[in-house]
Amino acid sequence: MRRPRSPSTAVSTCEDYHLLENMNKLTSLKYMEMKDISINISRNLQDLNHKYASLQPYLDQINQIEEQVSSLEQAAYKLDTYSKKLEAKFKKLEKR
């Protein structure tokens, strides 16, 4: 057999229910805030991806220029080495 609830138990249960209801409302609000933040992050990420895509041709050009500069540097070193050898030969011939 069940015991009848005392008034304090009923009040306590009602208070617990209201507390849970308030916690659920706050949790729901927090999730809505998190959803809004996620949407903003997603939009910003899309914007950044579009900007990066628009910059990609320039980045490709920079990479090409960097490769060309590297080739020119190698050619300059080879030319410098060759000119030093040529100068040494010239000085050797000049002394004769």
N, C-alpha and C. Protein backbone atom coordinates (compact mmCIF):
# COMPACT_ATOMS: atom_id res chain seq x y z
N MET A 1 0.83 -1.17 0.00
CA MET A 1 0.00 0.00 0.00
C MET A 1 0.89 1.25 0.00
N ARG A 2 0.49 2.23 -0.79
CA ARG A 2 1.23 3.49 -0.86
C ARG A 2 0.84 4.43 0.25
N ARG A 3 1.86 5.16 0.68
CA ARG A 3 1.57 6.17 1.69
C ARG A 3 1.13 7.44 1.00
N PRO A 4 0.23 8.14 1.51
CA PRO A 4 -0.16 9.42 0.91
C PRO A 4 1.00 10.41 1.04
N ARG A 5 1.14 11.19 0.02
CA ARG A 5 2.23 12.18 0.02
C ARG A 5 1.92 13.31 0.99
N SER A 6 2.96 13.74 1.63
CA SER A 6 2.79 14.88 2.52
C SER A 6 2.83 16.14 1.68
N PRO A 7 2.29 17.22 2.15
CA PRO A 7 2.30 18.48 1.39
C PRO A 7 3.71 18.96 1.09
N SER A 8 4.65 18.72 1.99
CA SER A 8 6.02 19.17 1.74
C SER A 8 6.64 18.37 0.60
N THR A 9 6.29 17.08 0.47
CA THR A 9 6.81 16.26 -0.62
C THR A 9 6.24 16.76 -1.95
N ALA A 10 4.97 17.10 -1.96
CA ALA A 10 4.35 17.60 -3.18
C ALA A 10 4.98 18.94 -3.59
N VAL A 11 5.23 19.79 -2.64
CA VAL A 11 5.85 21.09 -2.92
C VAL A 11 7.26 20.87 -3.43
N SER A 12 7.97 19.95 -2.80
CA SER A 12 9.34 19.66 -3.21
C SER A 12 9.37 19.11 -4.63
N THR A 13 8.42 18.20 -4.94
CA THR A 13 8.34 17.64 -6.28
C THR A 13 8.00 18.72 -7.30
N CYS A 14 7.13 19.61 -6.96
CA CYS A 14 6.75 20.73 -7.85
C CYS A 14 7.95 21.65 -8.07
N GLU A 15 8.68 21.92 -7.00
CA GLU A 15 9.87 22.76 -7.13
C GLU A 15 10.92 22.10 -8.01
N ASP A 16 11.08 20.79 -7.82
CA ASP A 16 12.02 20.04 -8.67
C ASP A 16 11.60 20.12 -10.13
N TYR A 17 10.30 19.97 -10.38
CA TYR A 17 9.79 20.06 -11.75
C TYR A 17 10.09 21.43 -12.34
N HIS A 18 9.85 22.49 -11.59
CA HIS A 18 10.12 23.86 -12.09
C HIS A 18 11.61 24.06 -12.31
N LEU A 19 12.42 23.52 -11.42
CA LEU A 19 13.87 23.62 -11.60
C LEU A 19 14.30 22.92 -12.88
N LEU A 20 13.81 21.72 -13.10
CA LEU A 20 14.13 20.99 -14.33
C LEU A 20 13.63 21.73 -15.56
N GLU A 21 12.45 22.30 -15.45
CA GLU A 21 11.90 23.07 -16.57
C GLU A 21 12.79 24.27 -16.89
N ASN A 22 13.24 24.98 -15.86
CA ASN A 22 14.13 26.12 -16.07
C ASN A 22 15.47 25.69 -16.64
N MET A 23 15.98 24.57 -16.14
CA MET A 23 17.25 24.06 -16.66
C MET A 23 17.10 23.69 -18.14
N ASN A 24 15.99 23.08 -18.50
CA ASN A 24 15.75 22.73 -19.90
C ASN A 24 15.65 23.97 -20.78
N LYS A 25 15.00 25.00 -20.28
CA LYS A 25 14.90 26.25 -21.04
C LYS A 25 16.27 26.87 -21.25
N LEU A 26 17.07 26.91 -20.18
CA LEU A 26 18.42 27.48 -20.29
C LEU A 26 19.28 26.66 -21.24
N THR A 27 19.16 25.35 -21.13
CA THR A 27 19.94 24.47 -22.03
C THR A 27 19.52 24.71 -23.48
N SER A 28 18.24 24.84 -23.69
CA SER A 28 17.73 25.11 -25.03
C SER A 28 18.27 26.44 -25.56
N LEU A 29 18.29 27.45 -24.73
CA LEU A 29 18.83 28.75 -25.14
C LEU A 29 20.32 28.65 -25.46
N LYS A 30 21.05 27.91 -24.64
CA LYS A 30 22.48 27.74 -24.90
C LYS A 30 22.70 27.03 -26.24
N TYR A 31 21.91 26.01 -26.52
CA TYR A 31 22.04 25.31 -27.79
C TYR A 31 21.69 26.21 -28.97
N MET A 32 20.70 27.09 -28.78
CA MET A 32 20.36 28.03 -29.84
C MET A 32 21.51 29.00 -30.07
N GLU A 33 22.15 29.45 -28.99
CA GLU A 33 23.31 30.34 -29.12
C GLU A 33 24.44 29.62 -29.85
N MET A 34 24.67 28.37 -29.46
CA MET A 34 25.73 27.59 -30.11
C MET A 34 25.41 27.37 -31.60
N LYS A 35 24.15 27.18 -31.91
CA LYS A 35 23.74 27.03 -33.31
C LYS A 35 24.04 28.31 -34.08
N ASP A 36 23.69 29.46 -33.51
CA ASP A 36 23.97 30.74 -34.17
C ASP A 36 25.47 30.94 -34.37
N ILE A 37 26.26 30.60 -33.35
CA ILE A 37 27.71 30.73 -33.46
C ILE A 37 28.22 29.82 -34.57
N SER A 38 27.71 28.60 -34.62
CA SER A 38 28.13 27.65 -35.66
C SER A 38 27.78 28.15 -37.06
N ILE A 39 26.61 28.74 -37.19
CA ILE A 39 26.20 29.28 -38.48
C ILE A 39 27.13 30.42 -38.89
N ASN A 40 27.47 31.29 -37.95
CA ASN A 40 28.39 32.40 -38.25
C ASN A 40 29.78 31.89 -38.62
N ILE A 41 30.25 30.89 -37.90
CA ILE A 41 31.55 30.31 -38.22
C ILE A 41 31.53 29.71 -39.62
N SER A 42 30.45 29.02 -39.94
CA SER A 42 30.32 28.41 -41.27
C SER A 42 30.33 29.47 -42.36
N ARG A 43 29.60 30.56 -42.14
CA ARG A 43 29.58 31.65 -43.13
C ARG A 43 30.97 32.26 -43.30
N ASN A 44 31.63 32.51 -42.17
CA ASN A 44 32.97 33.09 -42.23
C ASN A 44 33.94 32.16 -42.94
N LEU A 45 33.82 30.88 -42.69
CA LEU A 45 34.68 29.91 -43.36
C LEU A 45 34.42 29.90 -44.86
N GLN A 46 33.16 29.97 -45.25
CA GLN A 46 32.84 30.04 -46.68
C GLN A 46 33.42 31.30 -47.31
N ASP A 47 33.31 32.42 -46.60
CA ASP A 47 33.88 33.68 -47.11
C ASP A 47 35.39 33.55 -47.28
N LEU A 48 36.05 32.98 -46.28
CA LEU A 48 37.50 32.79 -46.37
C LEU A 48 37.87 31.87 -47.52
N ASN A 49 37.10 30.82 -47.72
CA ASN A 49 37.37 29.90 -48.84
C ASN A 49 37.22 30.60 -50.18
N HIS A 50 36.21 31.47 -50.29
CA HIS A 50 36.03 32.23 -51.54
C HIS A 50 37.19 33.20 -51.75
N LYS A 51 37.62 33.86 -50.69
CA LYS A 51 38.74 34.79 -50.81
C LYS A 51 40.02 34.04 -51.18
N TYR A 52 40.22 32.89 -50.56
CA TYR A 52 41.42 32.09 -50.88
C TYR A 52 41.37 31.65 -52.34
N ALA A 53 40.19 31.23 -52.80
CA ALA A 53 40.05 30.81 -54.20
C ALA A 53 40.33 31.97 -55.15
N SER A 54 39.92 33.18 -54.78
CA SER A 54 40.19 34.34 -55.64
C SER A 54 41.68 34.71 -55.63
N LEU A 55 42.37 34.38 -54.54
CA LEU A 55 43.81 34.66 -54.46
C LEU A 55 44.66 33.56 -55.11
N GLN A 56 44.08 32.42 -55.35
CA GLN A 56 44.84 31.27 -55.84
C GLN A 56 45.64 31.56 -57.11
N PRO A 57 45.08 32.26 -58.12
CA PRO A 57 45.88 32.56 -59.32
C PRO A 57 47.14 33.37 -58.98
N TYR A 58 47.03 34.30 -58.04
CA TYR A 58 48.19 35.10 -57.65
C TYR A 58 49.21 34.25 -56.90
N LEU A 59 48.72 33.35 -56.07
CA LEU A 59 49.61 32.45 -55.35
C LEU A 59 50.35 31.54 -56.33
N ASP A 60 49.64 31.09 -57.36
CA ASP A 60 50.28 30.27 -58.40
C ASP A 60 51.37 31.08 -59.12
N GLN A 61 51.07 32.34 -59.42
CA GLN A 61 52.07 33.20 -60.07
C GLN A 61 53.29 33.38 -59.18
N ILE A 62 53.06 33.55 -57.89
CA ILE A 62 54.18 33.71 -56.95
C ILE A 62 55.04 32.45 -56.97
N ASN A 63 54.41 31.28 -56.98
CA ASN A 63 55.17 30.03 -57.03
C ASN A 63 55.99 29.92 -58.32
N GLN A 64 55.39 30.34 -59.44
CA GLN A 64 56.11 30.30 -60.71
C GLN A 64 57.31 31.26 -60.67
N ILE A 65 57.09 32.44 -60.15
CA ILE A 65 58.19 33.43 -60.06
C ILE A 65 59.29 32.88 -59.17
N GLU A 66 58.91 32.25 -58.07
CA GLU A 66 59.90 31.69 -57.15
C GLU A 66 60.74 30.61 -57.86
N GLU A 67 60.10 29.78 -58.66
CA GLU A 67 60.83 28.76 -59.41
C GLU A 67 61.76 29.40 -60.44
N GLN A 68 61.27 30.45 -61.11
CA GLN A 68 62.09 31.14 -62.10
C GLN A 68 63.30 31.82 -61.45
N VAL A 69 63.08 32.42 -60.28
CA VAL A 69 64.18 33.07 -59.56
C VAL A 69 65.22 32.03 -59.17
N SER A 70 64.75 30.87 -58.74
CA SER A 70 65.68 29.80 -58.38
C SER A 70 66.50 29.38 -59.59
N SER A 71 65.86 29.24 -60.73
CA SER A 71 66.58 28.89 -61.96
C SER A 71 67.59 29.98 -62.34
N LEU A 72 67.19 31.23 -62.21
CA LEU A 72 68.09 32.34 -62.51
C LEU A 72 69.29 32.36 -61.56
N GLU A 73 69.05 32.06 -60.30
CA GLU A 73 70.16 32.01 -59.34
C GLU A 73 71.15 30.92 -59.73
N GLN A 74 70.65 29.76 -60.11
CA GLN A 74 71.53 28.68 -60.53
C GLN A 74 72.33 29.08 -61.77
N ALA A 75 71.64 29.72 -62.71
CA ALA A 75 72.33 30.17 -63.92
C ALA A 75 73.39 31.22 -63.57
N ALA A 76 73.09 32.12 -62.65
CA ALA A 76 74.04 33.15 -62.25
C ALA A 76 75.27 32.53 -61.59
N TYR A 77 75.06 31.52 -60.74
CA TYR A 77 76.20 30.84 -60.11
C TYR A 77 77.07 30.14 -61.16
N LYS A 78 76.42 29.49 -62.12
CA LYS A 78 77.17 28.83 -63.19
C LYS A 78 77.95 29.86 -64.01
N LEU A 79 77.29 30.98 -64.32
CA LEU A 79 77.94 32.04 -65.09
C LEU A 79 79.12 32.63 -64.31
N ASP A 80 78.93 32.82 -63.01
CA ASP A 80 80.00 33.35 -62.17
C ASP A 80 81.20 32.39 -62.15
N THR A 81 80.91 31.11 -61.99
CA THR A 81 81.98 30.11 -61.99
C THR A 81 82.70 30.11 -63.34
N TYR A 82 81.95 30.15 -64.41
CA TYR A 82 82.54 30.15 -65.75
C TYR A 82 83.38 31.40 -65.97
N SER A 83 82.86 32.56 -65.54
CA SER A 83 83.61 33.80 -65.75
C SER A 83 84.91 33.81 -64.94
N LYS A 84 84.89 33.21 -63.75
CA LYS A 84 86.11 33.12 -62.95
C LYS A 84 87.14 32.23 -63.63
N LYS A 85 86.67 31.12 -64.20
CA LYS A 85 87.58 30.23 -64.94
C LYS A 85 88.15 30.95 -66.16
N LEU A 86 87.30 31.68 -66.85
CA LEU A 86 87.73 32.42 -68.03
C LEU A 86 88.74 33.49 -67.65
N GLU A 87 88.50 34.18 -66.56
CA GLU A 87 89.42 35.21 -66.09
C GLU A 87 90.77 34.60 -65.73
N ALA A 88 90.71 33.44 -65.08
CA ALA A 88 91.97 32.77 -64.71
C ALA A 88 92.74 32.38 -65.97
N LYS A 89 92.06 31.86 -66.98
CA LYS A 89 92.72 31.50 -68.24
C LYS A 89 93.30 32.73 -68.92
N PHE A 90 92.53 33.82 -68.89
CA PHE A 90 92.99 35.05 -69.52
C PHE A 90 94.26 35.57 -68.85
N LYS A 91 94.25 35.56 -67.50
CA LYS A 91 95.44 36.02 -66.77
C LYS A 91 96.63 35.11 -67.05
N LYS A 92 96.37 33.83 -67.17
CA LYS A 92 97.43 32.88 -67.48
C LYS A 92 98.01 33.15 -68.87
N LEU A 93 97.14 33.42 -69.83
CA LEU A 93 97.59 33.72 -71.19
C LEU A 93 98.28 35.09 -71.24
N GLU A 94 97.85 36.01 -70.44
CA GLU A 94 98.40 37.35 -70.42
C GLU A 94 99.85 37.35 -69.91
N LYS A 95 100.14 36.43 -68.97
CA LYS A 95 101.48 36.33 -68.41
C LYS A 95 102.46 35.75 -69.40
N ARG A 96 102.05 35.08 -70.39
CA ARG A 96 102.97 34.49 -71.38
C ARG A 96 103.61 35.49 -72.22
